[in-house]
Amino acid sequence: MDLQALELSFLLHLQELHTPVLDGIMTVITHLGDGGVLFIAMGVLMLFFPGPERWGWRFFCRCLVDFWWEICFSRIWRRGRGPAG
């Protein structure tokens, strides 16, 4: 069995695993990337493990700045670009 056939059989097997509990878990996992929630959670986790030069605080603050930048300024820049846009 070659690698492509093995991958295809694995993916087909995954499609058969639809249960309400598993669908709910996968929905939560999928939405962790929305709005940087995953990276903010990683930053909070890093705050509890001190490292050299306070990398946890830097990462956490950077994620918060990026998150708020997206919320505050993305709506301003999503306007139309005229007749060609």
PDB file of N, CA and C in Angstrom:
ATOM      1  N   MET A   1       0.854  -1.176   0.000  1.00  0.00           N
ATOM      2  CA  MET A   1       0.000   0.000   0.000  1.00  0.00           C
ATOM      3  C   MET A   1       0.897   1.235   0.000  1.00  0.00           C
ATOM      4  N   ASP A   2       0.715   2.077  -0.977  1.00  0.00           N
ATOM      5  CA  ASP A   2       1.555   3.277  -1.050  1.00  0.00           C
ATOM      6  C   ASP A   2       1.027   4.361  -0.106  1.00  0.00           C
ATOM      7  N   LEU A   3       1.799   5.397   0.030  1.00  0.00           N
ATOM      8  CA  LEU A   3       1.486   6.451   0.993  1.00  0.00           C
ATOM      9  C   LEU A   3       0.203   7.201   0.643  1.00  0.00           C
ATOM     10  N   GLN A   4      -0.033   7.427  -0.640  1.00  0.00           N
ATOM     11  CA  GLN A   4      -1.234   8.153  -1.053  1.00  0.00           C
ATOM     12  C   GLN A   4      -2.497   7.351  -0.734  1.00  0.00           C
ATOM     13  N   ALA A   5      -2.473   6.061  -0.963  1.00  0.00           N
ATOM     14  CA  ALA A   5      -3.628   5.219  -0.648  1.00  0.00           C
ATOM     15  C   ALA A   5      -3.852   5.147   0.862  1.00  0.00           C
ATOM     16  N   LEU A   6      -2.769   5.105   1.626  1.00  0.00           N
ATOM     17  CA  LEU A   6      -2.887   5.092   3.079  1.00  0.00           C
ATOM     18  C   LEU A   6      -3.499   6.395   3.581  1.00  0.00           C
ATOM     19  N   GLU A   7      -3.052   7.513   3.025  1.00  0.00           N
ATOM     20  CA  GLU A   7      -3.601   8.813   3.422  1.00  0.00           C
ATOM     21  C   GLU A   7      -5.081   8.915   3.056  1.00  0.00           C
ATOM     22  N   LEU A   8      -5.440   8.452   1.879  1.00  0.00           N
ATOM     23  CA  LEU A   8      -6.832   8.502   1.445  1.00  0.00           C
ATOM     24  C   LEU A   8      -7.716   7.634   2.343  1.00  0.00           C
ATOM     25  N   SER A   9      -7.261   6.455   2.697  1.00  0.00           N
ATOM     26  CA  SER A   9      -8.069   5.600   3.570  1.00  0.00           C
ATOM     27  C   SER A   9      -8.205   6.211   4.968  1.00  0.00           C
ATOM     28  N   PHE A  10      -7.150   6.876   5.461  1.00  0.00           N
ATOM     29  CA  PHE A  10      -7.220   7.544   6.757  1.00  0.00           C
ATOM     30  C   PHE A  10      -8.227   8.685   6.717  1.00  0.00           C
ATOM     31  N   LEU A  11      -8.209   9.499   5.668  1.00  0.00           N
ATOM     32  CA  LEU A  11      -9.138  10.623   5.556  1.00  0.00           C
ATOM     33  C   LEU A  11     -10.578  10.144   5.407  1.00  0.00           C
ATOM     34  N   LEU A  12     -10.783   9.077   4.666  1.00  0.00           N
ATOM     35  CA  LEU A  12     -12.134   8.523   4.539  1.00  0.00           C
ATOM     36  C   LEU A  12     -12.626   7.968   5.868  1.00  0.00           C
ATOM     37  N   HIS A  13     -11.730   7.384   6.636  1.00  0.00           N
ATOM     38  CA  HIS A  13     -12.106   6.891   7.966  1.00  0.00           C
ATOM     39  C   HIS A  13     -12.476   8.055   8.894  1.00  0.00           C
ATOM     40  N   LEU A  14     -11.757   9.166   8.803  1.00  0.00           N
ATOM     41  CA  LEU A  14     -12.070  10.330   9.631  1.00  0.00           C
ATOM     42  C   LEU A  14     -13.444  10.910   9.311  1.00  0.00           C
ATOM     43  N   GLN A  15     -13.852  10.832   8.058  1.00  0.00           N
ATOM     44  CA  GLN A  15     -15.160  11.357   7.674  1.00  0.00           C
ATOM     45  C   GLN A  15     -16.300  10.563   8.306  1.00  0.00           C
ATOM     46  N   GLU A  16     -16.051   9.333   8.667  1.00  0.00           N
ATOM     47  CA  GLU A  16     -17.093   8.500   9.256  1.00  0.00           C
ATOM     48  C   GLU A  16     -17.257   8.728  10.760  1.00  0.00           C
ATOM     49  N   LEU A  17     -16.411   9.527  11.377  1.00  0.00           N
ATOM     50  CA  LEU A  17     -16.435   9.722  12.830  1.00  0.00           C
ATOM     51  C   LEU A  17     -17.295  10.906  13.253  1.00  0.00           C
ATOM     52  N   HIS A  18     -18.480  11.029  12.750  1.00  0.00           N
ATOM     53  CA  HIS A  18     -19.362  12.129  13.119  1.00  0.00           C
ATOM     54  C   HIS A  18     -20.225  11.733  14.311  1.00  0.00           C
ATOM     55  N   THR A  19     -19.939  12.351  15.448  1.00  0.00           N
ATOM     56  CA  THR A  19     -20.767  12.211  16.638  1.00  0.00           C
ATOM     57  C   THR A  19     -21.016  13.616  17.167  1.00  0.00           C
ATOM     58  N   PRO A  20     -22.086  13.863  17.882  1.00  0.00           N
ATOM     59  CA  PRO A  20     -22.340  15.210  18.397  1.00  0.00           C
ATOM     60  C   PRO A  20     -21.226  15.726  19.306  1.00  0.00           C
ATOM     61  N   VAL A  21     -20.654  14.855  20.135  1.00  0.00           N
ATOM     62  CA  VAL A  21     -19.596  15.275  21.051  1.00  0.00           C
ATOM     63  C   VAL A  21     -18.338  15.649  20.271  1.00  0.00           C
ATOM     64  N   LEU A  22     -17.931  14.779  19.357  1.00  0.00           N
ATOM     65  CA  LEU A  22     -16.724  15.033  18.581  1.00  0.00           C
ATOM     66  C   LEU A  22     -16.889  16.246  17.670  1.00  0.00           C
ATOM     67  N   ASP A  23     -18.075  16.424  17.105  1.00  0.00           N
ATOM     68  CA  ASP A  23     -18.319  17.607  16.276  1.00  0.00           C
ATOM     69  C   ASP A  23     -18.203  18.889  17.096  1.00  0.00           C
ATOM     70  N   GLY A  24     -18.705  18.863  18.333  1.00  0.00           N
ATOM     71  CA  GLY A  24     -18.585  20.026  19.207  1.00  0.00           C
ATOM     72  C   GLY A  24     -17.140  20.330  19.565  1.00  0.00           C
ATOM     73  N   ILE A  25     -16.362  19.282  19.870  1.00  0.00           N
ATOM     74  CA  ILE A  25     -14.950  19.467  20.201  1.00  0.00           C
ATOM     75  C   ILE A  25     -14.190  20.035  19.011  1.00  0.00           C
ATOM     76  N   MET A  26     -14.430  19.501  17.842  1.00  0.00           N
ATOM     77  CA  MET A  26     -13.711  19.964  16.659  1.00  0.00           C
ATOM     78  C   MET A  26     -14.106  21.392  16.275  1.00  0.00           C
ATOM     79  N   THR A  27     -15.348  21.773  16.537  1.00  0.00           N
ATOM     80  CA  THR A  27     -15.772  23.146  16.288  1.00  0.00           C
ATOM     81  C   THR A  27     -15.004  24.113  17.179  1.00  0.00           C
ATOM     82  N   VAL A  28     -14.850  23.749  18.445  1.00  0.00           N
ATOM     83  CA  VAL A  28     -14.080  24.594  19.371  1.00  0.00           C
ATOM     84  C   VAL A  28     -12.628  24.677  18.933  1.00  0.00           C
ATOM     85  N   ILE A  29     -12.027  23.554  18.564  1.00  0.00           N
ATOM     86  CA  ILE A  29     -10.630  23.546  18.115  1.00  0.00           C
ATOM     87  C   ILE A  29     -10.469  24.387  16.859  1.00  0.00           C
ATOM     88  N   THR A  30     -11.420  24.298  15.947  1.00  0.00           N
ATOM     89  CA  THR A  30     -11.344  25.057  14.704  1.00  0.00           C
ATOM     90  C   THR A  30     -11.401  26.556  14.968  1.00  0.00           C
ATOM     91  N   HIS A  31     -12.236  26.986  15.905  1.00  0.00           N
ATOM     92  CA  HIS A  31     -12.407  28.411  16.160  1.00  0.00           C
ATOM     93  C   HIS A  31     -11.354  29.007  17.095  1.00  0.00           C
ATOM     94  N   LEU A  32     -10.397  28.212  17.559  1.00  0.00           N
ATOM     95  CA  LEU A  32      -9.329  28.758  18.389  1.00  0.00           C
ATOM     96  C   LEU A  32      -8.462  29.745  17.608  1.00  0.00           C
ATOM     97  N   GLY A  33      -8.388  29.580  16.311  1.00  0.00           N
ATOM     98  CA  GLY A  33      -7.575  30.488  15.501  1.00  0.00           C
ATOM     99  C   GLY A  33      -8.263  31.792  15.159  1.00  0.00           C
ATOM    100  N   ASP A  34      -9.560  31.908  15.409  1.00  0.00           N
ATOM    101  CA  ASP A  34     -10.285  33.132  15.093  1.00  0.00           C
ATOM    102  C   ASP A  34      -9.857  34.259  16.016  1.00  0.00           C
ATOM    103  N   GLY A  35      -9.406  35.354  15.448  1.00  0.00           N
ATOM    104  CA  GLY A  35      -9.060  36.531  16.230  1.00  0.00           C
ATOM    105  C   GLY A  35      -7.843  36.374  17.116  1.00  0.00           C
ATOM    106  N   GLY A  36      -7.028  35.373  16.876  1.00  0.00           N
ATOM    107  CA  GLY A  36      -5.815  35.215  17.657  1.00  0.00           C
ATOM    108  C   GLY A  36      -6.020  34.626  19.039  1.00  0.00           C
ATOM    109  N   VAL A  37      -7.147  33.979  19.268  1.00  0.00           N
ATOM    110  CA  VAL A  37      -7.447  33.428  20.588  1.00  0.00           C
ATOM    111  C   VAL A  37      -6.397  32.389  20.994  1.00  0.00           C
ATOM    112  N   LEU A  38      -5.969  31.578  20.053  1.00  0.00           N
ATOM    113  CA  LEU A  38      -4.972  30.555  20.350  1.00  0.00           C
ATOM    114  C   LEU A  38      -3.668  31.190  20.816  1.00  0.00           C
ATOM    115  N   PHE A  39      -3.241  32.250  20.133  1.00  0.00           N
ATOM    116  CA  PHE A  39      -1.967  32.862  20.480  1.00  0.00           C
ATOM    117  C   PHE A  39      -2.050  33.637  21.794  1.00  0.00           C
ATOM    118  N   ILE A  40      -3.182  34.229  22.083  1.00  0.00           N
ATOM    119  CA  ILE A  40      -3.360  34.892  23.378  1.00  0.00           C
ATOM    120  C   ILE A  40      -3.341  33.850  24.490  1.00  0.00           C
ATOM    121  N   ALA A  41      -3.981  32.702  24.274  1.00  0.00           N
ATOM    122  CA  ALA A  41      -3.949  31.627  25.265  1.00  0.00           C
ATOM    123  C   ALA A  41      -2.522  31.110  25.454  1.00  0.00           C
ATOM    124  N   MET A  42      -1.763  31.003  24.377  1.00  0.00           N
ATOM    125  CA  MET A  42      -0.368  30.592  24.492  1.00  0.00           C
ATOM    126  C   MET A  42       0.440  31.617  25.272  1.00  0.00           C
ATOM    127  N   GLY A  43       0.170  32.897  25.053  1.00  0.00           N
ATOM    128  CA  GLY A  43       0.857  33.941  25.797  1.00  0.00           C
ATOM    129  C   GLY A  43       0.553  33.870  27.279  1.00  0.00           C
ATOM    130  N   VAL A  44      -0.716  33.621  27.632  1.00  0.00           N
ATOM    131  CA  VAL A  44      -1.088  33.477  29.037  1.00  0.00           C
ATOM    132  C   VAL A  44      -0.373  32.268  29.632  1.00  0.00           C
ATOM    133  N   LEU A  45      -0.305  31.180  28.898  1.00  0.00           N
ATOM    134  CA  LEU A  45       0.399  29.995  29.367  1.00  0.00           C
ATOM    135  C   LEU A  45       1.878  30.279  29.578  1.00  0.00           C
ATOM    136  N   MET A  46       2.480  31.050  28.689  1.00  0.00           N
ATOM    137  CA  MET A  46       3.903  31.373  28.816  1.00  0.00           C
ATOM    138  C   MET A  46       4.203  32.268  30.019  1.00  0.00           C
ATOM    139  N   LEU A  47       3.205  32.983  30.509  1.00  0.00           N
ATOM    140  CA  LEU A  47       3.428  33.839  31.674  1.00  0.00           C
ATOM    141  C   LEU A  47       3.778  33.022  32.920  1.00  0.00           C
ATOM    142  N   PHE A  48       3.343  31.764  32.954  1.00  0.00           N
ATOM    143  CA  PHE A  48       3.585  30.927  34.115  1.00  0.00           C
ATOM    144  C   PHE A  48       4.915  30.186  34.060  1.00  0.00           C
ATOM    145  N   PHE A  49       5.616  30.269  32.930  1.00  0.00           N
ATOM    146  CA  PHE A  49       6.910  29.622  32.779  1.00  0.00           C
ATOM    147  C   PHE A  49       7.955  30.678  32.458  1.00  0.00           C
ATOM    148  N   PRO A  50       8.611  31.229  33.482  1.00  0.00           N
ATOM    149  CA  PRO A  50       9.566  32.306  33.224  1.00  0.00           C
ATOM    150  C   PRO A  50      10.758  31.809  32.403  1.00  0.00           C
ATOM    151  N   GLY A  51      11.157  32.635  31.481  1.00  0.00           N
ATOM    152  CA  GLY A  51      12.294  32.310  30.630  1.00  0.00           C
ATOM    153  C   GLY A  51      13.232  33.496  30.561  1.00  0.00           C
ATOM    154  N   PRO A  52      14.264  33.359  29.794  1.00  0.00           N
ATOM    155  CA  PRO A  52      15.210  34.472  29.668  1.00  0.00           C
ATOM    156  C   PRO A  52      14.545  35.677  29.001  1.00  0.00           C
ATOM    157  N   GLU A  53      14.812  36.830  29.517  1.00  0.00           N
ATOM    158  CA  GLU A  53      14.345  38.111  28.963  1.00  0.00           C
ATOM    159  C   GLU A  53      12.829  38.226  28.907  1.00  0.00           C
ATOM    160  N   ARG A  54      12.152  37.542  29.796  1.00  0.00           N
ATOM    161  CA  ARG A  54      10.690  37.643  29.916  1.00  0.00           C
ATOM    162  C   ARG A  54       9.972  37.443  28.571  1.00  0.00           C
ATOM    163  N   TRP A  55      10.284  36.382  27.875  1.00  0.00           N
ATOM    164  CA  TRP A  55       9.693  36.134  26.554  1.00  0.00           C
ATOM    165  C   TRP A  55       8.193  35.895  26.632  1.00  0.00           C
ATOM    166  N   GLY A  56       7.709  35.401  27.758  1.00  0.00           N
ATOM    167  CA  GLY A  56       6.267  35.192  27.902  1.00  0.00           C
ATOM    168  C   GLY A  56       5.498  36.499  27.893  1.00  0.00           C
ATOM    169  N   TRP A  57       5.990  37.502  28.630  1.00  0.00           N
ATOM    170  CA  TRP A  57       5.339  38.807  28.649  1.00  0.00           C
ATOM    171  C   TRP A  57       5.377  39.460  27.284  1.00  0.00           C
ATOM    172  N   ARG A  58       6.498  39.356  26.612  1.00  0.00           N
ATOM    173  CA  ARG A  58       6.615  39.969  25.276  1.00  0.00           C
ATOM    174  C   ARG A  58       5.639  39.324  24.293  1.00  0.00           C
ATOM    175  N   PHE A  59       5.578  38.007  24.305  1.00  0.00           N
ATOM    176  CA  PHE A  59       4.680  37.309  23.399  1.00  0.00           C
ATOM    177  C   PHE A  59       3.230  37.649  23.700  1.00  0.00           C
ATOM    178  N   PHE A  60       2.870  37.643  24.981  1.00  0.00           N
ATOM    179  CA  PHE A  60       1.504  37.939  25.385  1.00  0.00           C
ATOM    180  C   PHE A  60       1.111  39.360  24.981  1.00  0.00           C
ATOM    181  N   CYS A  61       1.955  40.337  25.244  1.00  0.00           N
ATOM    182  CA  CYS A  61       1.653  41.731  24.892  1.00  0.00           C
ATOM    183  C   CYS A  61       1.555  41.905  23.392  1.00  0.00           C
ATOM    184  N   ARG A  62       2.426  41.241  22.653  1.00  0.00           N
ATOM    185  CA  ARG A  62       2.385  41.341  21.195  1.00  0.00           C
ATOM    186  C   ARG A  62       1.076  40.769  20.642  1.00  0.00           C
ATOM    187  N   CYS A  63       0.626  39.664  21.185  1.00  0.00           N
ATOM    188  CA  CYS A  63      -0.632  39.074  20.728  1.00  0.00           C
ATOM    189  C   CYS A  63      -1.820  39.978  21.041  1.00  0.00           C
ATOM    190  N   LEU A  64      -1.817  40.583  22.221  1.00  0.00           N
ATOM    191  CA  LEU A  64      -2.904  41.501  22.555  1.00  0.00           C
ATOM    192  C   LEU A  64      -2.917  42.714  21.644  1.00  0.00           C
ATOM    193  N   VAL A  65      -1.749  43.267  21.350  1.00  0.00           N
ATOM    194  CA  VAL A  65      -1.670  44.420  20.449  1.00  0.00           C
ATOM    195  C   VAL A  65      -2.182  44.037  19.063  1.00  0.00           C
ATOM    196  N   ASP A  66      -1.761  42.897  18.555  1.00  0.00           N
ATOM    197  CA  ASP A  66      -2.231  42.456  17.237  1.00  0.00           C
ATOM    198  C   ASP A  66      -3.735  42.223  17.226  1.00  0.00           C
ATOM    199  N   PHE A  67      -4.260  41.644  18.298  1.00  0.00           N
ATOM    200  CA  PHE A  67      -5.695  41.375  18.389  1.00  0.00           C
ATOM    201  C   PHE A  67      -6.495  42.673  18.364  1.00  0.00           C
ATOM    202  N   TRP A  68      -6.107  43.647  19.182  1.00  0.00           N
ATOM    203  CA  TRP A  68      -6.825  44.913  19.225  1.00  0.00           C
ATOM    204  C   TRP A  68      -6.622  45.721  17.957  1.00  0.00           C
ATOM    205  N   TRP A  69      -5.465  45.622  17.324  1.00  0.00           N
ATOM    206  CA  TRP A  69      -5.230  46.301  16.053  1.00  0.00           C
ATOM    207  C   TRP A  69      -6.220  45.788  15.012  1.00  0.00           C
ATOM    208  N   GLU A  70      -6.394  44.478  14.983  1.00  0.00           N
ATOM    209  CA  GLU A  70      -7.335  43.879  14.038  1.00  0.00           C
ATOM    210  C   GLU A  70      -8.754  44.357  14.296  1.00  0.00           C
ATOM    211  N   ILE A  71      -9.158  44.409  15.547  1.00  0.00           N
ATOM    212  CA  ILE A  71     -10.530  44.825  15.877  1.00  0.00           C
ATOM    213  C   ILE A  71     -10.743  46.306  15.556  1.00  0.00           C
ATOM    214  N   CYS A  72      -9.804  47.146  15.952  1.00  0.00           N
ATOM    215  CA  CYS A  72     -10.002  48.593  15.819  1.00  0.00           C
ATOM    216  C   CYS A  72      -9.820  49.112  14.397  1.00  0.00           C
ATOM    217  N   PHE A  73      -8.816  48.627  13.703  1.00  0.00           N
ATOM    218  CA  PHE A  73      -8.472  49.248  12.434  1.00  0.00           C
ATOM    219  C   PHE A  73      -8.864  48.462  11.194  1.00  0.00           C
ATOM    220  N   SER A  74      -9.208  47.205  11.333  1.00  0.00           N
ATOM    221  CA  SER A  74      -9.546  46.435  10.139  1.00  0.00           C
ATOM    222  C   SER A  74     -10.833  46.935   9.499  1.00  0.00           C
ATOM    223  N   ARG A  75     -11.769  47.422  10.285  1.00  0.00           N
ATOM    224  CA  ARG A  75     -13.027  47.906   9.717  1.00  0.00           C
ATOM    225  C   ARG A  75     -12.816  49.190   8.933  1.00  0.00           C
ATOM    226  N   ILE A  76     -11.844  49.986   9.317  1.00  0.00           N
ATOM    227  CA  ILE A  76     -11.551  51.216   8.585  1.00  0.00           C
ATOM    228  C   ILE A  76     -11.002  50.879   7.208  1.00  0.00           C
ATOM    229  N   TRP A  77     -10.109  49.892   7.153  1.00  0.00           N
ATOM    230  CA  TRP A  77      -9.437  49.577   5.897  1.00  0.00           C
ATOM    231  C   TRP A  77     -10.217  48.613   5.021  1.00  0.00           C
ATOM    232  N   ARG A  78     -11.365  48.134   5.445  1.00  0.00           N
ATOM    233  CA  ARG A  78     -12.168  47.222   4.625  1.00  0.00           C
ATOM    234  C   ARG A  78     -13.145  47.962   3.719  1.00  0.00           C
ATOM    235  N   ARG A  79     -12.994  49.221   3.576  1.00  0.00           N
ATOM    236  CA  ARG A  79     -13.917  49.967   2.714  1.00  0.00           C
ATOM    237  C   ARG A  79     -13.609  49.663   1.249  1.00  0.00           C
ATOM    238  N   GLY A  80     -14.538  49.991   0.386  1.00  0.00           N
ATOM    239  CA  GLY A  80     -14.375  49.758  -1.029  1.00  0.00           C
ATOM    240  C   GLY A  80     -13.282  50.618  -1.637  1.00  0.00           C
ATOM    241  N   ARG A  81     -12.790  50.196  -2.772  1.00  0.00           N
ATOM    242  CA  ARG A  81     -11.704  50.906  -3.421  1.00  0.00           C
ATOM    243  C   ARG A  81     -12.156  51.597  -4.710  1.00  0.00           C
ATOM    244  N   GLY A  82     -13.385  52.021  -4.748  1.00  0.00           N
ATOM    245  CA  GLY A  82     -13.863  52.725  -5.925  1.00  0.00           C
ATOM    246  C   GLY A  82     -14.395  51.774  -6.977  1.00  0.00           C
ATOM    247  N   PRO A  83     -14.561  52.281  -8.209  1.00  0.00           N
ATOM    248  CA  PRO A  83     -15.176  51.452  -9.262  1.00  0.00           C
ATOM    249  C   PRO A  83     -14.348  50.225  -9.617  1.00  0.00           C
ATOM    250  N   ALA A  84     -13.019  50.311  -9.491  1.00  0.00           N
ATOM    251  CA  ALA A  84     -12.170  49.164  -9.849  1.00  0.00           C
ATOM    252  C   ALA A  84     -12.126  48.131  -8.732  1.00  0.00           C
ATOM    253  N   GLY A  85     -12.492  48.517  -7.477  1.00  0.00           N
ATOM    254  CA  GLY A  85     -12.368  47.607  -6.325  1.00  0.00           C
ATOM    255  C   GLY A  85     -13.513  46.713  -6.229  1.00  0.00           C
TER     256      GLY A  85
END
